[in-house]
Protein backbone atom coordinates (compact mmCIF):
# COMPACT_ATOMS: atom_id res chain seq x y z
CA MET A 1 -21.94 -57.42 200.15
CA THR A 2 -23.00 -60.84 198.91
CA PRO A 3 -24.88 -63.37 201.07
CA TYR A 4 -21.76 -65.60 201.04
CA GLU A 5 -19.63 -62.77 202.45
CA ASP A 6 -22.22 -62.07 205.13
CA LEU A 7 -22.36 -65.73 206.18
CA TYR A 8 -18.64 -66.66 206.04
CA ASP A 9 -16.95 -63.25 206.50
CA LYS A 10 -14.79 -63.70 203.37
CA LYS A 11 -15.10 -63.06 199.65
CA PRO A 12 -16.24 -66.02 197.48
CA ASN A 13 -13.86 -67.67 195.01
CA VAL A 14 -15.10 -66.81 191.51
CA ASN A 15 -12.21 -68.28 189.48
CA LEU A 16 -14.37 -71.11 188.09
CA PHE A 17 -17.15 -68.85 186.79
CA LYS A 18 -17.51 -68.64 183.01
CA VAL A 19 -19.65 -66.48 180.74
CA PHE A 20 -22.84 -68.16 179.52
CA ASP A 21 -23.59 -68.53 175.78
CA TYR A 22 -19.87 -68.53 174.97
CA LEU A 23 -18.48 -70.52 172.02
CA VAL A 24 -16.29 -73.42 173.24
CA TYR A 25 -14.74 -76.52 171.71
CA ALA A 26 -15.44 -79.91 173.32
CA HIS A 27 -12.87 -82.70 173.04
CA VAL A 28 -14.06 -85.79 171.16
CA VAL A 29 -12.99 -89.15 172.60
CA ASP A 30 -10.33 -90.91 170.49
CA GLU A 31 -12.33 -94.17 170.25
CA VAL A 32 -15.09 -92.33 168.39
CA THR A 33 -12.89 -90.62 165.79
CA ARG A 34 -10.63 -91.86 163.04
CA ASN A 35 -7.13 -90.56 162.48
CA ILE A 36 -8.10 -87.71 160.12
CA ASP A 37 -11.32 -86.62 161.89
CA PRO A 38 -11.39 -83.40 163.93
CA LYS A 39 -10.58 -83.85 167.62
CA SER A 40 -13.12 -81.26 168.85
CA GLU A 41 -16.60 -79.99 168.08
CA GLU A 42 -18.11 -76.51 168.37
CA CYS A 43 -20.41 -76.10 171.35
CA VAL A 44 -22.03 -73.31 173.35
CA PHE A 45 -21.30 -73.11 177.08
CA ILE A 46 -24.61 -73.21 178.99
CA GLY A 47 -23.55 -73.83 182.58
CA TYR A 48 -22.12 -76.30 185.05
CA TYR A 49 -23.10 -79.89 185.76
CA GLU A 50 -24.73 -80.35 189.17
CA ASN A 51 -22.40 -81.10 192.12
CA THR A 52 -19.20 -81.30 189.99
CA LYS A 53 -16.82 -79.03 188.11
CA ALA A 54 -17.93 -80.47 184.75
CA TYR A 55 -19.22 -78.09 182.07
CA ARG A 56 -22.57 -78.39 180.30
CA MET A 57 -22.36 -77.53 176.60
CA TYR A 58 -24.87 -77.49 173.76
CA ASN A 59 -23.40 -79.30 170.75
CA LEU A 60 -24.20 -77.32 167.58
CA LYS A 61 -23.63 -80.34 165.32
CA ILE A 62 -25.93 -82.90 166.94
CA TYR A 63 -28.23 -80.42 168.77
CA LYS A 64 -27.82 -82.07 172.20
CA VAL A 65 -26.47 -81.11 175.61
CA VAL A 66 -23.12 -82.75 176.42
CA VAL A 67 -21.10 -82.82 179.65
């Protein structure tokens, strides 16, 4: 039994959980790209942004964390 189950007497919702260190593709905003540029960049999923459902990803091209 998890602490959440003990406290609330129900199973937690785990639908939003993702595997860490997983290869993902982040959408690039249209204002930044030209017509023939790729619309996404390769990133590695590293977790969730605090207090929101946003994802934190490590961009392999620019070596920075993006949300």
